[in-house]
């Protein structure tokens, strides 16, 4: 396990990327992301948050962290997207945190979101694949599942946005309390985090993004549904009755 960047210069931006069974695209995605970030002149770190892979993802993540000073990695040893994301945010040192997906790495979103945050127009920026102007180029079933999930969040929890999963950027000091207040993990951590951000005094805005994945999902959609519904029921109980 390697630790986050410990250079003398504190990174301005932290990019947290949960990874699970990504040996096929991990190296190329990280190298390509760095190539596209280089012209921006940002001080940044990339935190690879591995969670329970059964392939060579851990080994490759360690190799990348040893080769590139901006990259660090850690492993939680179990398949748990939410815990990996939460721990990655906890390790982040930047003033701004971007939560990314290894099959997206959308630097256009990065630029737009950081500009909004630096102008203090919002405390959190959500990259929505469902808002007007977005381009969701995933298979129809994946798009329909996202729409259905959002509608459940609205019905059960009064969610006011259009999307909770995927790209998001935020001012770390403003939202760290909401991260620490989250009680859920796994697939619904991201939803709880965003919902708590909306319910707080922070300003949250959505911007449209284009979603074009580099590979099929690492977990089959239909295998995820029972766990997502079970965790959504727990999330509803947590927010409505535990605060």
C-alpha atoms as a PDB file:
ATOM      1  CA  UNK A   1       0.000   0.000   0.000  1.00  0.00           C
ATOM      2  CA  UNK A   2       1.302   3.429  -0.854  1.00  0.00           C
ATOM      3  CA  UNK A   3       0.349   6.673   0.814  1.00  0.00           C
ATOM      4  CA  UNK A   4      -0.970   9.890  -0.769  1.00  0.00           C
ATOM      5  CA  UNK A   5       1.430  12.384  -2.237  1.00  0.00           C
ATOM      6  CA  UNK A   6       3.810  13.679   0.430  1.00  0.00           C
ATOM      7  CA  UNK A   7       5.709  16.272  -1.561  1.00  0.00           C
ATOM      8  CA  UNK A   8       6.504  19.702  -0.182  1.00  0.00           C
ATOM      9  CA  UNK A   9       3.883  21.269  -2.406  1.00  0.00           C
ATOM     10  CA  UNK A  10       0.375  20.559  -1.202  1.00  0.00           C
ATOM     11  CA  UNK A  11      -1.860  19.574  -4.144  1.00  0.00           C
ATOM     12  CA  UNK A  12      -4.586  22.033  -5.023  1.00  0.00           C
ATOM     13  CA  UNK A  13      -6.850  19.330  -6.464  1.00  0.00           C
ATOM     14  CA  UNK A  14      -7.356  15.710  -5.413  1.00  0.00           C
ATOM     15  CA  UNK A  15      -8.860  13.233  -7.888  1.00  0.00           C
ATOM     16  CA  UNK A  16     -10.255  10.152  -6.141  1.00  0.00           C
ATOM     17  CA  UNK A  17     -10.929   7.108  -8.326  1.00  0.00           C
ATOM     18  CA  UNK A  18     -12.356   3.854  -6.900  1.00  0.00           C
ATOM     19  CA  UNK A  19     -11.054   0.879  -8.868  1.00  0.00           C
ATOM     20  CA  UNK A  20     -12.240  -2.740  -9.007  1.00  0.00           C
ATOM     21  CA  UNK A  21     -10.935  -5.365 -11.463  1.00  0.00           C
ATOM     22  CA  UNK A  22      -9.557  -2.740 -13.824  1.00  0.00           C
ATOM     23  CA  UNK A  23      -6.322  -4.342 -15.013  1.00  0.00           C
ATOM     24  CA  UNK A  24      -7.456  -4.012 -18.619  1.00  0.00           C
ATOM     25  CA  UNK A  25      -7.665  -0.202 -18.627  1.00  0.00           C
ATOM     26  CA  UNK A  26      -6.014   1.036 -15.428  1.00  0.00           C
ATOM     27  CA  UNK A  27      -2.589   1.971 -16.740  1.00  0.00           C
ATOM     28  CA  UNK A  28      -3.789   3.516 -19.995  1.00  0.00           C
ATOM     29  CA  UNK A  29      -6.541   5.472 -18.228  1.00  0.00           C
ATOM     30  CA  UNK A  30      -4.204   6.932 -15.602  1.00  0.00           C
ATOM     31  CA  UNK A  31      -1.491   7.816 -18.133  1.00  0.00           C
ATOM     32  CA  UNK A  32      -4.047   9.390 -20.471  1.00  0.00           C
ATOM     33  CA  UNK A  33      -5.570  11.377 -17.589  1.00  0.00           C
ATOM     34  CA  UNK A  34      -2.158  12.735 -16.642  1.00  0.00           C
ATOM     35  CA  UNK A  35      -1.425  13.658 -20.246  1.00  0.00           C
ATOM     36  CA  UNK A  36      -4.651  15.661 -20.428  1.00  0.00           C
ATOM     37  CA  UNK A  37      -4.094  17.310 -17.049  1.00  0.00           C
ATOM     38  CA  UNK A  38      -0.528  18.395 -17.822  1.00  0.00           C
ATOM     39  CA  UNK A  39      -1.408  21.386 -20.065  1.00  0.00           C
ATOM     40  CA  UNK A  40      -3.679  22.760 -17.322  1.00  0.00           C
ATOM     41  CA  UNK A  41      -0.756  23.445 -15.009  1.00  0.00           C
ATOM     42  CA  UNK A  42      -2.670  22.161 -11.979  1.00  0.00           C
ATOM     43  CA  UNK A  43      -1.088  20.976  -8.757  1.00  0.00           C
ATOM     44  CA  UNK A  44      -2.939  17.701  -8.289  1.00  0.00           C
ATOM     45  CA  UNK A  45      -2.883  14.190  -6.899  1.00  0.00           C
ATOM     46  CA  UNK A  46      -4.626  11.069  -8.197  1.00  0.00           C
ATOM     47  CA  UNK A  47      -5.747   8.665  -5.469  1.00  0.00           C
ATOM     48  CA  UNK A  48      -6.539   5.134  -6.668  1.00  0.00           C
ATOM     49  CA  UNK A  49      -8.911   3.557  -4.148  1.00  0.00           C
ATOM     50  CA  UNK A  50      -8.828  -0.181  -4.794  1.00  0.00           C
ATOM     51  CA  UNK A  51     -11.627  -2.303  -3.384  1.00  0.00           C
ATOM     52  CA  UNK A  52     -11.482  -6.073  -3.499  1.00  0.00           C
ATOM     53  CA  UNK A  53     -10.177  -6.808  -6.984  1.00  0.00           C
ATOM     54  CA  UNK A  54      -9.499 -10.415  -7.973  1.00  0.00           C
ATOM     55  CA  UNK A  55      -7.192  -9.568 -10.897  1.00  0.00           C
ATOM     56  CA  UNK A  56      -3.884  -7.639 -11.028  1.00  0.00           C
ATOM     57  CA  UNK A  57      -5.427  -4.255 -10.245  1.00  0.00           C
ATOM     58  CA  UNK A  58      -3.672  -3.891  -6.875  1.00  0.00           C
ATOM     59  CA  UNK A  59      -0.276  -4.701  -8.370  1.00  0.00           C
ATOM     60  CA  UNK A  60      -0.761  -2.294 -11.259  1.00  0.00           C
ATOM     61  CA  UNK A  61      -1.974   0.486  -8.958  1.00  0.00           C
ATOM     62  CA  UNK A  62       1.128   0.131  -6.780  1.00  0.00           C
ATOM     63  CA  UNK A  63       3.356   0.197  -9.882  1.00  0.00           C
ATOM     64  CA  UNK A  64       1.673   3.399 -11.093  1.00  0.00           C
ATOM     65  CA  UNK A  65       2.079   5.047  -7.681  1.00  0.00           C
ATOM     66  CA  UNK A  66       5.769   4.156  -7.671  1.00  0.00           C
ATOM     67  CA  UNK A  67       6.311   5.468 -11.187  1.00  0.00           C
ATOM     68  CA  UNK A  68       4.340   8.723 -11.035  1.00  0.00           C
ATOM     69  CA  UNK A  69       4.709  11.109  -8.055  1.00  0.00           C
ATOM     70  CA  UNK A  70       1.188  12.492  -8.521  1.00  0.00           C
ATOM     71  CA  UNK A  71      -0.362   9.028  -8.121  1.00  0.00           C
ATOM     72  CA  UNK A  72      -0.990   7.167  -4.870  1.00  0.00           C
ATOM     73  CA  UNK A  73      -2.927   3.998  -4.146  1.00  0.00           C
ATOM     74  CA  UNK A  74      -4.429   2.078  -1.269  1.00  0.00           C
ATOM     75  CA  UNK A  75      -6.580  -1.035  -0.923  1.00  0.00           C
ATOM     76  CA  UNK A  76      -9.425  -1.741   1.492  1.00  0.00           C
ATOM     77  CA  UNK A  77      -9.355  -5.472   0.717  1.00  0.00           C
ATOM     78  CA  UNK A  78     -13.079  -5.927   0.032  1.00  0.00           C
ATOM     79  CA  UNK A  79     -15.510  -5.094  -2.792  1.00  0.00           C
ATOM     80  CA  UNK A  80     -17.009  -1.901  -1.379  1.00  0.00           C
ATOM     81  CA  UNK A  81     -17.212   1.086  -3.733  1.00  0.00           C
ATOM     82  CA  UNK A  82     -18.611   3.443  -1.111  1.00  0.00           C
ATOM     83  CA  UNK A  83     -15.983   2.689   1.533  1.00  0.00           C
ATOM     84  CA  UNK A  84     -13.222   3.070  -1.049  1.00  0.00           C
ATOM     85  CA  UNK A  85     -14.607   6.455  -2.106  1.00  0.00           C
ATOM     86  CA  UNK A  86     -15.054   7.615   1.477  1.00  0.00           C
ATOM     87  CA  UNK A  87     -11.535   6.549   2.502  1.00  0.00           C
ATOM     88  CA  UNK A  88     -10.119   8.182  -0.632  1.00  0.00           C
ATOM     89  CA  UNK A  89     -11.804  11.473   0.234  1.00  0.00           C
ATOM     90  CA  UNK A  90     -10.430  11.157   3.750  1.00  0.00           C
ATOM     91  CA  UNK A  91      -6.899  10.824   2.371  1.00  0.00           C
ATOM     92  CA  UNK A  92      -7.275  13.724  -0.068  1.00  0.00           C
ATOM     93  CA  UNK A  93      -5.110  16.773   0.602  1.00  0.00           C
ATOM     94  CA  UNK A  94      -6.440  19.154  -2.022  1.00  0.00           C
ATOM     95  CA  UNK A  95      -8.660  22.145  -1.438  1.00  0.00           C
ATOM     96  CA  UNK A  96     -10.943  20.681  -4.101  1.00  0.00           C
ATOM     97  CA  UNK A  97     -11.840  17.005  -4.505  1.00  0.00           C
ATOM     98  CA  UNK A  98     -13.032  15.406  -7.731  1.00  0.00           C
ATOM     99  CA  UNK A  99     -14.695  11.989  -7.510  1.00  0.00           C
ATOM    100  CA  UNK A 100     -14.026  10.240 -10.815  1.00  0.00           C
ATOM    101  CA  UNK A 101     -14.627   6.900 -12.498  1.00  0.00           C
ATOM    102  CA  UNK A 102     -11.729   5.103 -14.162  1.00  0.00           C
ATOM    103  CA  UNK A 103     -13.778   4.491 -17.319  1.00  0.00           C
ATOM    104  CA  UNK A 104     -14.674   8.182 -17.679  1.00  0.00           C
ATOM    105  CA  UNK A 105     -11.807  10.493 -16.582  1.00  0.00           C
ATOM    106  CA  UNK A 106     -13.602  13.514 -17.996  1.00  0.00           C
ATOM    107  CA  UNK A 107     -11.220  16.482 -17.933  1.00  0.00           C
ATOM    108  CA  UNK A 108     -13.878  18.688 -19.541  1.00  0.00           C
ATOM    109  CA  UNK A 109     -15.967  18.187 -16.402  1.00  0.00           C
ATOM    110  CA  UNK A 110     -12.885  18.830 -14.274  1.00  0.00           C
ATOM    111  CA  UNK A 111     -12.292  22.200 -15.906  1.00  0.00           C
ATOM    112  CA  UNK A 112     -15.888  23.370 -15.696  1.00  0.00           C
ATOM    113  CA  UNK A 113     -16.384  22.142 -12.129  1.00  0.00           C
ATOM    114  CA  UNK A 114     -13.167  23.643 -10.729  1.00  0.00           C
ATOM    115  CA  UNK A 115     -13.947  26.981 -12.382  1.00  0.00           C
ATOM    116  CA  UNK A 116     -17.360  27.017 -10.674  1.00  0.00           C
ATOM    117  CA  UNK A 117     -15.854  26.073  -7.309  1.00  0.00           C
ATOM    118  CA  UNK A 118     -13.062  28.631  -7.531  1.00  0.00           C
ATOM    119  CA  UNK A 119     -15.586  31.367  -8.298  1.00  0.00           C
ATOM    120  CA  UNK A 120     -17.516  30.202  -5.212  1.00  0.00           C
ATOM    121  CA  UNK A 121     -20.677  29.773  -7.241  1.00  0.00           C
ATOM    122  CA  UNK A 122     -21.217  26.395  -5.546  1.00  0.00           C
ATOM    123  CA  UNK A 123     -19.746  24.110  -2.888  1.00  0.00           C
ATOM    124  CA  UNK A 124     -20.468  20.959  -4.893  1.00  0.00           C
ATOM    125  CA  UNK A 125     -20.788  20.380  -8.629  1.00  0.00           C
ATOM    126  CA  UNK A 126     -22.512  17.241  -9.912  1.00  0.00           C
ATOM    127  CA  UNK A 127     -21.820  15.976 -13.419  1.00  0.00           C
ATOM    128  CA  UNK A 128     -25.297  14.770 -14.386  1.00  0.00           C
ATOM    129  CA  UNK A 129     -25.852  12.309 -17.210  1.00  0.00           C
ATOM    130  CA  UNK A 130     -29.621  12.831 -16.912  1.00  0.00           C
ATOM    131  CA  UNK A 131     -30.045  16.610 -16.931  1.00  0.00           C
ATOM    132  CA  UNK A 132     -31.042  18.546 -20.061  1.00  0.00           C
ATOM    133  CA  UNK A 133     -28.030  18.903 -22.349  1.00  0.00           C
ATOM    134  CA  UNK A 134     -26.329  15.707 -21.128  1.00  0.00           C
ATOM    135  CA  UNK A 135     -25.346  12.916 -23.512  1.00  0.00           C
ATOM    136  CA  UNK A 136     -25.791   9.472 -21.984  1.00  0.00           C
ATOM    137  CA  UNK A 137     -24.334   7.075 -24.549  1.00  0.00           C
ATOM    138  CA  UNK A 138     -24.527   3.993 -22.343  1.00  0.00           C
ATOM    139  CA  UNK A 139     -26.772   1.059 -23.297  1.00  0.00           C
ATOM    140  CA  UNK A 140     -30.499   1.779 -22.911  1.00  0.00           C
ATOM    141  CA  UNK A 141     -30.930  -0.505 -19.874  1.00  0.00           C
ATOM    142  CA  UNK A 142     -28.166   1.309 -17.995  1.00  0.00           C
ATOM    143  CA  UNK A 143     -29.756   4.675 -18.774  1.00  0.00           C
ATOM    144  CA  UNK A 144     -33.207   3.426 -17.771  1.00  0.00           C
ATOM    145  CA  UNK A 145     -31.840   2.020 -14.514  1.00  0.00           C
ATOM    146  CA  UNK A 146     -30.326   5.421 -13.650  1.00  0.00           C
ATOM    147  CA  UNK A 147     -33.620   7.184 -14.352  1.00  0.00           C
ATOM    148  CA  UNK A 148     -35.526   4.667 -12.243  1.00  0.00           C
ATOM    149  CA  UNK A 149     -33.048   4.966  -9.376  1.00  0.00           C
ATOM    150  CA  UNK A 150     -33.273   8.760  -9.374  1.00  0.00           C
ATOM    151  CA  UNK A 151     -37.057   8.571  -9.295  1.00  0.00           C
ATOM    152  CA  UNK A 152     -36.866   6.254  -6.267  1.00  0.00           C
ATOM    153  CA  UNK A 153     -34.590   8.738  -4.491  1.00  0.00           C
ATOM    154  CA  UNK A 154     -37.072  11.512  -5.205  1.00  0.00           C
ATOM    155  CA  UNK A 155     -40.020   9.440  -3.999  1.00  0.00           C
ATOM    156  CA  UNK A 156     -38.397   8.037  -0.860  1.00  0.00           C
ATOM    157  CA  UNK A 157     -36.061  10.842   0.182  1.00  0.00           C
ATOM    158  CA  UNK A 158     -37.229  14.012  -1.516  1.00  0.00           C
ATOM    159  CA  UNK A 159     -34.083  14.212  -3.640  1.00  0.00           C
ATOM    160  CA  UNK A 160     -34.075  17.461  -5.621  1.00  0.00           C
ATOM    161  CA  UNK A 161     -31.438  16.694  -8.243  1.00  0.00           C
ATOM    162  CA  UNK A 162     -31.199  14.358 -11.227  1.00  0.00           C
ATOM    163  CA  UNK A 163     -28.084  12.269 -10.534  1.00  0.00           C
ATOM    164  CA  UNK A 164     -26.035  11.076  -7.558  1.00  0.00           C
ATOM    165  CA  UNK A 165     -23.626   8.571  -9.110  1.00  0.00           C
ATOM    166  CA  UNK A 166     -20.648   9.363 -11.270  1.00  0.00           C
ATOM    167  CA  UNK A 167     -18.765  12.630 -11.475  1.00  0.00           C
ATOM    168  CA  UNK A 168     -18.769  15.157  -8.660  1.00  0.00           C
ATOM    169  CA  UNK A 169     -16.435  17.867  -7.408  1.00  0.00           C
ATOM    170  CA  UNK A 170     -16.546  19.791  -4.171  1.00  0.00           C
ATOM    171  CA  UNK A 171     -14.743  22.063  -1.747  1.00  0.00           C
ATOM    172  CA  UNK A 172     -13.259  19.589   0.729  1.00  0.00           C
ATOM    173  CA  UNK A 173     -13.547  21.714   3.870  1.00  0.00           C
ATOM    174  CA  UNK A 174     -17.195  22.520   3.128  1.00  0.00           C
ATOM    175  CA  UNK A 175     -18.347  18.935   2.537  1.00  0.00           C
ATOM    176  CA  UNK A 176     -16.047  16.809   4.712  1.00  0.00           C
ATOM    177  CA  UNK A 177     -18.593  16.907   7.534  1.00  0.00           C
ATOM    178  CA  UNK A 178     -21.239  15.490   5.211  1.00  0.00           C
ATOM    179  CA  UNK A 179     -18.859  12.700   4.163  1.00  0.00           C
ATOM    180  CA  UNK A 180     -18.183  11.824   7.800  1.00  0.00           C
ATOM    181  CA  UNK A 181     -21.920  11.875   8.595  1.00  0.00           C
ATOM    182  CA  UNK A 182     -22.693   9.236   5.968  1.00  0.00           C
ATOM    183  CA  UNK A 183     -23.822   5.906   7.418  1.00  0.00           C
ATOM    184  CA  UNK A 184     -24.154   3.906   4.193  1.00  0.00           C
ATOM    185  CA  UNK A 185     -21.434   2.415   2.048  1.00  0.00           C
ATOM    186  CA  UNK A 186     -21.258   0.215  -1.039  1.00  0.00           C
ATOM    187  CA  UNK A 187     -23.411   1.405  -3.959  1.00  0.00           C
ATOM    188  CA  UNK A 188     -25.448   3.971  -2.039  1.00  0.00           C
ATOM    189  CA  UNK A 189     -22.668   5.954  -0.342  1.00  0.00           C
ATOM    190  CA  UNK A 190     -22.570   8.379  -3.268  1.00  0.00           C
ATOM    191  CA  UNK A 191     -26.332   8.893  -3.038  1.00  0.00           C
ATOM    192  CA  UNK A 192     -26.260   9.555   0.697  1.00  0.00           C
ATOM    193  CA  UNK A 193     -23.368  11.986   0.283  1.00  0.00           C
ATOM    194  CA  UNK A 194     -25.126  13.990  -2.431  1.00  0.00           C
ATOM    195  CA  UNK A 195     -28.468  13.976  -0.617  1.00  0.00           C
ATOM    196  CA  UNK A 196     -26.822  15.185   2.594  1.00  0.00           C
ATOM    197  CA  UNK A 197     -25.090  17.928   0.608  1.00  0.00           C
ATOM    198  CA  UNK A 198     -28.458  19.088  -0.735  1.00  0.00           C
ATOM    199  CA  UNK A 199     -29.991  18.996   2.749  1.00  0.00           C
ATOM    200  CA  UNK A 200     -27.146  21.043   4.252  1.00  0.00           C
ATOM    201  CA  UNK A 201     -26.441  24.757   3.926  1.00  0.00           C
ATOM    202  CA  UNK A 202     -24.081  24.106   1.013  1.00  0.00           C
ATOM    203  CA  UNK A 203     -24.870  25.114  -2.566  1.00  0.00           C
ATOM    204  CA  UNK A 204     -25.088  22.229  -5.032  1.00  0.00           C
ATOM    205  CA  UNK A 205     -25.450  22.654  -8.770  1.00  0.00           C
ATOM    206  CA  UNK A 206     -25.584  20.188 -11.658  1.00  0.00           C
ATOM    207  CA  UNK A 207     -23.923  20.509 -15.042  1.00  0.00           C
ATOM    208  CA  UNK A 208     -24.518  18.215 -18.039  1.00  0.00           C
ATOM    209  CA  UNK A 209     -21.859  15.696 -19.025  1.00  0.00           C
ATOM    210  CA  UNK A 210     -21.316  13.222 -21.820  1.00  0.00           C
ATOM    211  CA  UNK A 211     -20.979   9.635 -20.651  1.00  0.00           C
ATOM    212  CA  UNK A 212     -19.167   7.276 -22.980  1.00  0.00           C
ATOM    213  CA  UNK A 213     -17.703   4.345 -21.065  1.00  0.00           C
ATOM    214  CA  UNK A 214     -14.414   2.745 -22.047  1.00  0.00           C
ATOM    215  CA  UNK A 215     -15.545  -0.781 -21.166  1.00  0.00           C
ATOM    216  CA  UNK A 216     -18.618  -2.697 -19.955  1.00  0.00           C
ATOM    217  CA  UNK A 217     -19.441  -2.313 -16.237  1.00  0.00           C
ATOM    218  CA  UNK A 218     -17.220  -4.410 -13.965  1.00  0.00           C
ATOM    219  CA  UNK A 219     -20.343  -5.640 -12.115  1.00  0.00           C
ATOM    220  CA  UNK A 220     -23.391  -6.945 -13.985  1.00  0.00           C
ATOM    221  CA  UNK A 221     -26.370  -4.579 -13.723  1.00  0.00           C
ATOM    222  CA  UNK A 222     -28.890  -7.287 -12.798  1.00  0.00           C
ATOM    223  CA  UNK A 223     -26.606  -8.697 -10.090  1.00  0.00           C
ATOM    224  CA  UNK A 224     -26.407  -5.230  -8.537  1.00  0.00           C
ATOM    225  CA  UNK A 225     -30.149  -4.579  -8.339  1.00  0.00           C
ATOM    226  CA  UNK A 226     -31.005  -6.645  -5.202  1.00  0.00           C
ATOM    227  CA  UNK A 227     -28.149  -5.146  -3.180  1.00  0.00           C
ATOM    228  CA  UNK A 228     -28.926  -1.627  -4.384  1.00  0.00           C
ATOM    229  CA  UNK A 229     -32.589  -1.967  -3.369  1.00  0.00           C
ATOM    230  CA  UNK A 230     -31.638  -3.402   0.019  1.00  0.00           C
ATOM    231  CA  UNK A 231     -29.126  -0.615   0.648  1.00  0.00           C
ATOM    232  CA  UNK A 232     -31.608   1.987  -0.592  1.00  0.00           C
ATOM    233  CA  UNK A 233     -34.106   0.793   2.015  1.00  0.00           C
ATOM    234  CA  UNK A 234     -31.406   1.135   4.680  1.00  0.00           C
ATOM    235  CA  UNK A 235     -30.511   4.595   3.379  1.00  0.00           C
ATOM    236  CA  UNK A 236     -34.147   5.688   3.575  1.00  0.00           C
ATOM    237  CA  UNK A 237     -34.295   4.553   7.198  1.00  0.00           C
ATOM    238  CA  UNK A 238     -30.988   6.248   8.031  1.00  0.00           C
ATOM    239  CA  UNK A 239     -31.861   9.644   6.588  1.00  0.00           C
ATOM    240  CA  UNK A 240     -35.535   9.787   7.541  1.00  0.00           C
ATOM    241  CA  UNK A 241     -35.246   8.381  11.057  1.00  0.00           C
ATOM    242  CA  UNK A 242     -31.612   8.696  12.132  1.00  0.00           C
ATOM    243  CA  UNK A 243     -30.835  12.093  10.598  1.00  0.00           C
END
